Amino acid sequence: TVWCGSAVAVLFGLSLWIVRPKLFGRYRWTMALLLAGYLLNWLPFMFIDRPMFLYHYLFGLVFAILITAVLFQVLYDRQRKHWRANMALDVYIAAIFFALACFIYFAPLTYSYPLSQLELDKHMILLWK
């Protein structure tokens, strides 16, 4: 969930930065720096023909997680202005519980717990059969 969620956040943040950079308010230059760091991480690997490995992306993942955090802060600030403060906090709590539920659901795959074939098939939600 961290990999996929942060990838979506990077695409969303980059598109927002291109279309409406003033939307980020006081985090405008922070987001610009994080997006530049993320894109600069890809620069050395753009024209490589050989297979890439997971460790090539780890620095980019750090930037992507930070971009996700800034997007959540901007969202929270905007919600607090338009909604009552408790409702914005409720949205954050729901997002935390969703992340926790995803972690618990995918923990058997992450930590290589023994699973039956039926349990493994249930956890492979991103594969189409």
N, C-alpha and C. Protein backbone atom coordinates (compact mmCIF):
# COMPACT_ATOMS: atom_id res chain seq x y z
N THR A 1 0.81 -1.19 0.00
CA THR A 1 0.00 0.00 0.00
C THR A 1 0.86 1.26 0.00
N VAL A 2 2.02 1.20 0.64
CA VAL A 2 2.90 2.37 0.66
C VAL A 2 3.42 2.65 -0.74
N TRP A 3 3.84 1.61 -1.45
CA TRP A 3 4.39 1.80 -2.79
C TRP A 3 3.33 2.36 -3.74
N CYS A 4 2.17 1.72 -3.77
CA CYS A 4 1.12 2.15 -4.70
C CYS A 4 0.54 3.50 -4.29
N GLY A 5 0.28 3.68 -3.01
CA GLY A 5 -0.28 4.95 -2.54
C GLY A 5 0.64 6.12 -2.77
N SER A 6 1.93 5.91 -2.52
CA SER A 6 2.87 7.01 -2.73
C SER A 6 3.06 7.30 -4.22
N ALA A 7 2.97 6.28 -5.06
CA ALA A 7 3.07 6.52 -6.51
C ALA A 7 1.89 7.35 -7.00
N VAL A 8 0.70 7.04 -6.49
CA VAL A 8 -0.48 7.84 -6.84
C VAL A 8 -0.32 9.26 -6.31
N ALA A 9 0.20 9.40 -5.10
CA ALA A 9 0.40 10.73 -4.52
C ALA A 9 1.40 11.55 -5.33
N VAL A 10 2.44 10.92 -5.84
CA VAL A 10 3.42 11.65 -6.66
C VAL A 10 2.75 12.14 -7.95
N LEU A 11 2.00 11.28 -8.60
CA LEU A 11 1.31 11.69 -9.83
C LEU A 11 0.31 12.80 -9.55
N PHE A 12 -0.43 12.66 -8.46
CA PHE A 12 -1.41 13.67 -8.08
C PHE A 12 -0.72 14.97 -7.71
N GLY A 13 0.34 14.90 -6.93
CA GLY A 13 1.07 16.10 -6.53
C GLY A 13 1.72 16.81 -7.70
N LEU A 14 2.28 16.03 -8.62
CA LEU A 14 2.90 16.63 -9.81
C LEU A 14 1.87 17.31 -10.68
N SER A 15 0.72 16.66 -10.87
CA SER A 15 -0.32 17.28 -11.70
C SER A 15 -0.88 18.53 -11.02
N LEU A 16 -1.06 18.49 -9.70
CA LEU A 16 -1.52 19.69 -9.00
C LEU A 16 -0.49 20.81 -9.07
N TRP A 17 0.79 20.44 -8.97
CA TRP A 17 1.85 21.45 -9.03
C TRP A 17 1.87 22.12 -10.40
N ILE A 18 1.61 21.36 -11.46
CA ILE A 18 1.60 21.92 -12.80
C ILE A 18 0.37 22.80 -13.02
N VAL A 19 -0.79 22.33 -12.56
CA VAL A 19 -2.04 23.05 -12.83
C VAL A 19 -2.26 24.20 -11.85
N ARG A 20 -2.10 23.95 -10.54
CA ARG A 20 -2.39 24.97 -9.53
C ARG A 20 -1.35 24.96 -8.41
N PRO A 21 -0.17 25.48 -8.65
CA PRO A 21 0.88 25.43 -7.62
C PRO A 21 0.55 26.26 -6.38
N LYS A 22 -0.28 27.30 -6.52
CA LYS A 22 -0.62 28.12 -5.36
C LYS A 22 -1.54 27.39 -4.39
N LEU A 23 -2.09 26.27 -4.81
CA LEU A 23 -2.95 25.47 -3.94
C LEU A 23 -2.19 24.95 -2.72
N PHE A 24 -0.88 24.79 -2.85
CA PHE A 24 -0.08 24.25 -1.76
C PHE A 24 0.21 25.28 -0.67
N GLY A 25 -0.06 26.53 -0.94
CA GLY A 25 0.11 27.57 0.08
C GLY A 25 1.54 27.66 0.59
N ARG A 26 1.70 27.55 1.89
CA ARG A 26 3.04 27.68 2.48
C ARG A 26 3.92 26.48 2.20
N TYR A 27 3.35 25.39 1.69
CA TYR A 27 4.12 24.19 1.36
C TYR A 27 4.51 24.16 -0.12
N ARG A 28 4.32 25.28 -0.80
CA ARG A 28 4.56 25.32 -2.25
C ARG A 28 6.00 24.97 -2.61
N TRP A 29 6.97 25.58 -1.96
CA TRP A 29 8.36 25.32 -2.30
C TRP A 29 8.85 24.01 -1.70
N THR A 30 8.24 23.59 -0.62
CA THR A 30 8.57 22.27 -0.08
C THR A 30 8.17 21.19 -1.07
N MET A 31 6.98 21.33 -1.64
CA MET A 31 6.52 20.36 -2.64
C MET A 31 7.39 20.42 -3.88
N ALA A 32 7.80 21.60 -4.29
CA ALA A 32 8.67 21.72 -5.47
C ALA A 32 9.99 21.01 -5.23
N LEU A 33 10.56 21.17 -4.05
CA LEU A 33 11.83 20.51 -3.72
C LEU A 33 11.67 18.99 -3.68
N LEU A 34 10.57 18.52 -3.09
CA LEU A 34 10.35 17.07 -3.01
C LEU A 34 10.10 16.46 -4.39
N LEU A 35 9.32 17.14 -5.22
CA LEU A 35 9.08 16.65 -6.58
C LEU A 35 10.36 16.65 -7.40
N ALA A 36 11.18 17.69 -7.22
CA ALA A 36 12.46 17.74 -7.93
C ALA A 36 13.37 16.60 -7.47
N GLY A 37 13.40 16.34 -6.17
CA GLY A 37 14.21 15.23 -5.66
C GLY A 37 13.74 13.89 -6.19
N TYR A 38 12.43 13.72 -6.25
CA TYR A 38 11.87 12.47 -6.78
C TYR A 38 12.25 12.29 -8.25
N LEU A 39 12.08 13.35 -9.03
CA LEU A 39 12.38 13.25 -10.45
C LEU A 39 13.88 13.11 -10.70
N LEU A 40 14.70 13.76 -9.89
CA LEU A 40 16.15 13.62 -10.04
C LEU A 40 16.62 12.20 -9.68
N ASN A 41 15.87 11.52 -8.83
CA ASN A 41 16.20 10.13 -8.53
C ASN A 41 16.05 9.26 -9.78
N TRP A 42 15.08 9.58 -10.61
CA TRP A 42 14.85 8.78 -11.82
C TRP A 42 15.81 9.12 -12.94
N LEU A 43 16.38 10.31 -12.92
CA LEU A 43 17.22 10.77 -14.01
C LEU A 43 18.35 9.81 -14.37
N PRO A 44 19.14 9.28 -13.43
CA PRO A 44 20.22 8.38 -13.83
C PRO A 44 19.74 7.05 -14.40
N PHE A 45 18.50 6.68 -14.12
CA PHE A 45 18.01 5.36 -14.53
C PHE A 45 17.10 5.41 -15.75
N MET A 46 16.86 6.58 -16.30
CA MET A 46 15.89 6.70 -17.39
C MET A 46 16.29 5.96 -18.66
N PHE A 47 17.56 5.94 -18.96
CA PHE A 47 17.98 5.39 -20.26
C PHE A 47 18.72 4.06 -20.11
N ILE A 48 18.55 3.40 -18.99
CA ILE A 48 19.20 2.11 -18.77
C ILE A 48 18.31 1.02 -19.36
N ASP A 49 18.92 0.15 -20.16
CA ASP A 49 18.17 -0.91 -20.81
C ASP A 49 18.08 -2.19 -19.98
N ARG A 50 18.97 -2.35 -19.04
CA ARG A 50 18.97 -3.59 -18.25
C ARG A 50 17.84 -3.56 -17.22
N PRO A 51 17.52 -4.71 -16.63
CA PRO A 51 16.46 -4.73 -15.62
C PRO A 51 16.84 -3.89 -14.39
N MET A 52 15.86 -3.21 -13.86
CA MET A 52 16.07 -2.40 -12.66
C MET A 52 15.62 -3.22 -11.44
N PHE A 53 16.23 -2.95 -10.32
CA PHE A 53 15.91 -3.69 -9.09
C PHE A 53 15.27 -2.75 -8.09
N LEU A 54 14.72 -3.32 -7.06
CA LEU A 54 13.99 -2.56 -6.06
C LEU A 54 14.86 -1.51 -5.38
N TYR A 55 16.09 -1.82 -5.12
CA TYR A 55 16.96 -0.86 -4.41
C TYR A 55 17.26 0.39 -5.24
N HIS A 56 17.02 0.36 -6.53
CA HIS A 56 17.20 1.56 -7.35
C HIS A 56 16.14 2.62 -7.01
N TYR A 57 15.02 2.18 -6.48
CA TYR A 57 13.90 3.07 -6.23
C TYR A 57 13.80 3.53 -4.78
N LEU A 58 14.64 3.05 -3.89
CA LEU A 58 14.46 3.34 -2.47
C LEU A 58 14.59 4.82 -2.13
N PHE A 59 15.51 5.54 -2.75
CA PHE A 59 15.60 6.98 -2.50
C PHE A 59 14.35 7.69 -3.02
N GLY A 60 13.87 7.26 -4.15
CA GLY A 60 12.63 7.83 -4.69
C GLY A 60 11.44 7.55 -3.79
N LEU A 61 11.44 6.38 -3.14
CA LEU A 61 10.36 6.05 -2.22
C LEU A 61 10.33 6.99 -1.04
N VAL A 62 11.49 7.37 -0.53
CA VAL A 62 11.53 8.34 0.58
C VAL A 62 10.91 9.66 0.15
N PHE A 63 11.27 10.14 -1.03
CA PHE A 63 10.66 11.38 -1.53
C PHE A 63 9.16 11.21 -1.74
N ALA A 64 8.74 10.05 -2.24
CA ALA A 64 7.32 9.82 -2.48
C ALA A 64 6.53 9.80 -1.17
N ILE A 65 7.09 9.22 -0.13
CA ILE A 65 6.41 9.22 1.16
C ILE A 65 6.30 10.63 1.71
N LEU A 66 7.34 11.42 1.55
CA LEU A 66 7.29 12.82 2.01
C LEU A 66 6.28 13.63 1.20
N ILE A 67 6.20 13.36 -0.10
CA ILE A 67 5.20 14.03 -0.94
C ILE A 67 3.79 13.66 -0.46
N THR A 68 3.59 12.41 -0.12
CA THR A 68 2.30 11.96 0.39
C THR A 68 1.95 12.69 1.69
N ALA A 69 2.93 12.83 2.58
CA ALA A 69 2.69 13.52 3.84
C ALA A 69 2.33 14.99 3.62
N VAL A 70 3.01 15.65 2.69
CA VAL A 70 2.70 17.05 2.41
C VAL A 70 1.30 17.17 1.80
N LEU A 71 0.94 16.25 0.91
CA LEU A 71 -0.41 16.28 0.33
C LEU A 71 -1.48 16.09 1.40
N PHE A 72 -1.24 15.18 2.35
CA PHE A 72 -2.19 14.99 3.44
C PHE A 72 -2.29 16.25 4.29
N GLN A 73 -1.18 16.94 4.53
CA GLN A 73 -1.22 18.17 5.32
C GLN A 73 -1.98 19.26 4.59
N VAL A 74 -1.76 19.39 3.29
CA VAL A 74 -2.49 20.40 2.51
C VAL A 74 -3.98 20.07 2.51
N LEU A 75 -4.31 18.80 2.34
CA LEU A 75 -5.71 18.38 2.38
C LEU A 75 -6.33 18.67 3.74
N TYR A 76 -5.60 18.37 4.79
CA TYR A 76 -6.11 18.63 6.13
C TYR A 76 -6.33 20.12 6.36
N ASP A 77 -5.39 20.95 5.93
CA ASP A 77 -5.55 22.40 6.09
C ASP A 77 -6.76 22.92 5.33
N ARG A 78 -6.97 22.42 4.13
CA ARG A 78 -8.13 22.86 3.34
C ARG A 78 -9.43 22.37 3.95
N GLN A 79 -9.44 21.14 4.46
CA GLN A 79 -10.66 20.62 5.08
C GLN A 79 -10.99 21.39 6.36
N ARG A 80 -9.97 21.76 7.08
CA ARG A 80 -10.19 22.49 8.33
C ARG A 80 -10.81 23.86 8.06
N LYS A 81 -10.49 24.46 6.93
CA LYS A 81 -11.06 25.76 6.58
C LYS A 81 -12.53 25.63 6.17
N HIS A 82 -12.86 24.56 5.45
CA HIS A 82 -14.20 24.43 4.89
C HIS A 82 -15.14 23.60 5.76
N TRP A 83 -14.61 22.69 6.53
CA TRP A 83 -15.43 21.86 7.41
C TRP A 83 -15.15 22.25 8.84
N ARG A 84 -15.87 21.64 9.74
CA ARG A 84 -15.52 21.84 11.13
C ARG A 84 -14.28 21.00 11.44
N ALA A 85 -13.51 21.39 12.43
CA ALA A 85 -12.22 20.76 12.71
C ALA A 85 -12.35 19.28 13.06
N ASN A 86 -13.43 18.90 13.74
CA ASN A 86 -13.60 17.49 14.11
C ASN A 86 -13.81 16.60 12.89
N MET A 87 -14.49 17.12 11.87
CA MET A 87 -14.72 16.31 10.68
C MET A 87 -13.41 16.07 9.93
N ALA A 88 -12.56 17.07 9.87
CA ALA A 88 -11.26 16.90 9.21
C ALA A 88 -10.43 15.88 9.98
N LEU A 89 -10.50 15.91 11.29
CA LEU A 89 -9.78 14.94 12.10
C LEU A 89 -10.34 13.53 11.88
N ASP A 90 -11.65 13.43 11.72
CA ASP A 90 -12.27 12.12 11.46
C ASP A 90 -11.79 11.52 10.14
N VAL A 91 -11.61 12.37 9.14
CA VAL A 91 -11.09 11.88 7.86
C VAL A 91 -9.68 11.33 8.03
N TYR A 92 -8.87 12.04 8.81
CA TYR A 92 -7.51 11.57 9.07
C TYR A 92 -7.51 10.25 9.82
N ILE A 93 -8.34 10.13 10.82
CA ILE A 93 -8.42 8.89 11.60
C ILE A 93 -8.87 7.74 10.70
N ALA A 94 -9.83 7.99 9.82
CA ALA A 94 -10.27 6.95 8.89
C ALA A 94 -9.13 6.54 7.96
N ALA A 95 -8.32 7.49 7.49
CA ALA A 95 -7.18 7.16 6.63
C ALA A 95 -6.15 6.32 7.38
N ILE A 96 -5.94 6.63 8.65
CA ILE A 96 -4.99 5.85 9.45
C ILE A 96 -5.50 4.44 9.65
N PHE A 97 -6.79 4.28 9.94
CA PHE A 97 -7.35 2.94 10.11
C PHE A 97 -7.31 2.15 8.81
N PHE A 98 -7.53 2.83 7.68
CA PHE A 98 -7.43 2.15 6.38
C PHE A 98 -6.01 1.65 6.14
N ALA A 99 -5.03 2.50 6.43
CA ALA A 99 -3.63 2.09 6.26
C ALA A 99 -3.29 0.93 7.19
N LEU A 100 -3.79 0.96 8.42
CA LEU A 100 -3.54 -0.11 9.37
C LEU A 100 -4.20 -1.42 8.91
N ALA A 101 -5.41 -1.31 8.39
CA ALA A 101 -6.10 -2.50 7.89
C ALA A 101 -5.36 -3.11 6.70
N CYS A 102 -4.86 -2.28 5.81
CA CYS A 102 -4.08 -2.78 4.67
C CYS A 102 -2.80 -3.44 5.14
N PHE A 103 -2.15 -2.85 6.14
CA PHE A 103 -0.94 -3.46 6.68
C PHE A 103 -1.24 -4.84 7.26
N ILE A 104 -2.29 -4.94 8.04
CA ILE A 104 -2.64 -6.23 8.65
C ILE A 104 -3.01 -7.24 7.57
N TYR A 105 -3.72 -6.80 6.55
CA TYR A 105 -4.15 -7.72 5.49
C TYR A 105 -2.96 -8.25 4.71
N PHE A 106 -1.98 -7.39 4.41
CA PHE A 106 -0.85 -7.81 3.59
C PHE A 106 0.35 -8.28 4.40
N ALA A 107 0.28 -8.26 5.71
CA ALA A 107 1.40 -8.71 6.55
C ALA A 107 1.81 -10.16 6.28
N PRO A 108 0.88 -11.09 6.06
CA PRO A 108 1.33 -12.46 5.76
C PRO A 108 2.20 -12.55 4.50
N LEU A 109 1.93 -11.72 3.51
CA LEU A 109 2.77 -11.72 2.31
C LEU A 109 4.10 -11.03 2.57
N THR A 110 4.05 -9.94 3.32
CA THR A 110 5.26 -9.17 3.59
C THR A 110 6.26 -9.96 4.42
N TYR A 111 5.75 -10.66 5.43
CA TYR A 111 6.63 -11.36 6.37
C TYR A 111 6.70 -12.86 6.12
N SER A 112 6.20 -13.31 5.00
CA SER A 112 6.29 -14.71 4.56
C SER A 112 5.69 -15.70 5.56
N TYR A 113 4.52 -15.37 6.07
CA TYR A 113 3.82 -16.33 6.92
C TYR A 113 3.29 -17.45 6.03
N PRO A 114 3.26 -18.68 6.55
CA PRO A 114 2.73 -19.78 5.73
C PRO A 114 1.23 -19.59 5.47
N LEU A 115 0.86 -19.71 4.21
CA LEU A 115 -0.53 -19.57 3.80
C LEU A 115 -0.92 -20.75 2.94
N SER A 116 -2.19 -21.13 3.04
CA SER A 116 -2.69 -22.15 2.12
C SER A 116 -2.89 -21.50 0.76
N GLN A 117 -3.12 -22.31 -0.25
CA GLN A 117 -3.31 -21.77 -1.59
C GLN A 117 -4.54 -20.88 -1.66
N LEU A 118 -5.60 -21.24 -0.95
CA LEU A 118 -6.81 -20.43 -0.93
C LEU A 118 -6.56 -19.08 -0.26
N GLU A 119 -5.83 -19.07 0.86
CA GLU A 119 -5.50 -17.81 1.53
C GLU A 119 -4.59 -16.94 0.66
N LEU A 120 -3.65 -17.57 -0.02
CA LEU A 120 -2.77 -16.83 -0.91
C LEU A 120 -3.54 -16.19 -2.05
N ASP A 121 -4.48 -16.94 -2.62
CA ASP A 121 -5.31 -16.39 -3.70
C ASP A 121 -6.14 -15.20 -3.23
N LYS A 122 -6.61 -15.23 -1.99
CA LYS A 122 -7.39 -14.11 -1.45
C LYS A 122 -6.53 -12.86 -1.30
N HIS A 123 -5.24 -13.04 -1.02
CA HIS A 123 -4.36 -11.90 -0.82
C HIS A 123 -3.82 -11.32 -2.14
N MET A 124 -3.94 -12.04 -3.20
CA MET A 124 -3.43 -11.57 -4.50
C MET A 124 -4.51 -10.79 -5.24
N ILE A 125 -4.92 -9.68 -4.66
CA ILE A 125 -6.03 -8.92 -5.24
C ILE A 125 -5.62 -8.11 -6.47
N LEU A 126 -4.32 -7.91 -6.66
CA LEU A 126 -3.87 -7.12 -7.80
C LEU A 126 -3.65 -7.97 -9.06
N LEU A 127 -3.81 -9.26 -8.93
CA LEU A 127 -3.64 -10.16 -10.07
C LEU A 127 -5.00 -10.56 -10.62
N TRP A 128 -5.16 -10.48 -11.93
CA TRP A 128 -6.41 -10.88 -12.55
C TRP A 128 -6.25 -12.30 -13.06
N LYS A 129 -7.30 -13.06 -12.89
CA LYS A 129 -7.27 -14.44 -13.37
C LYS A 129 -8.26 -14.63 -14.49
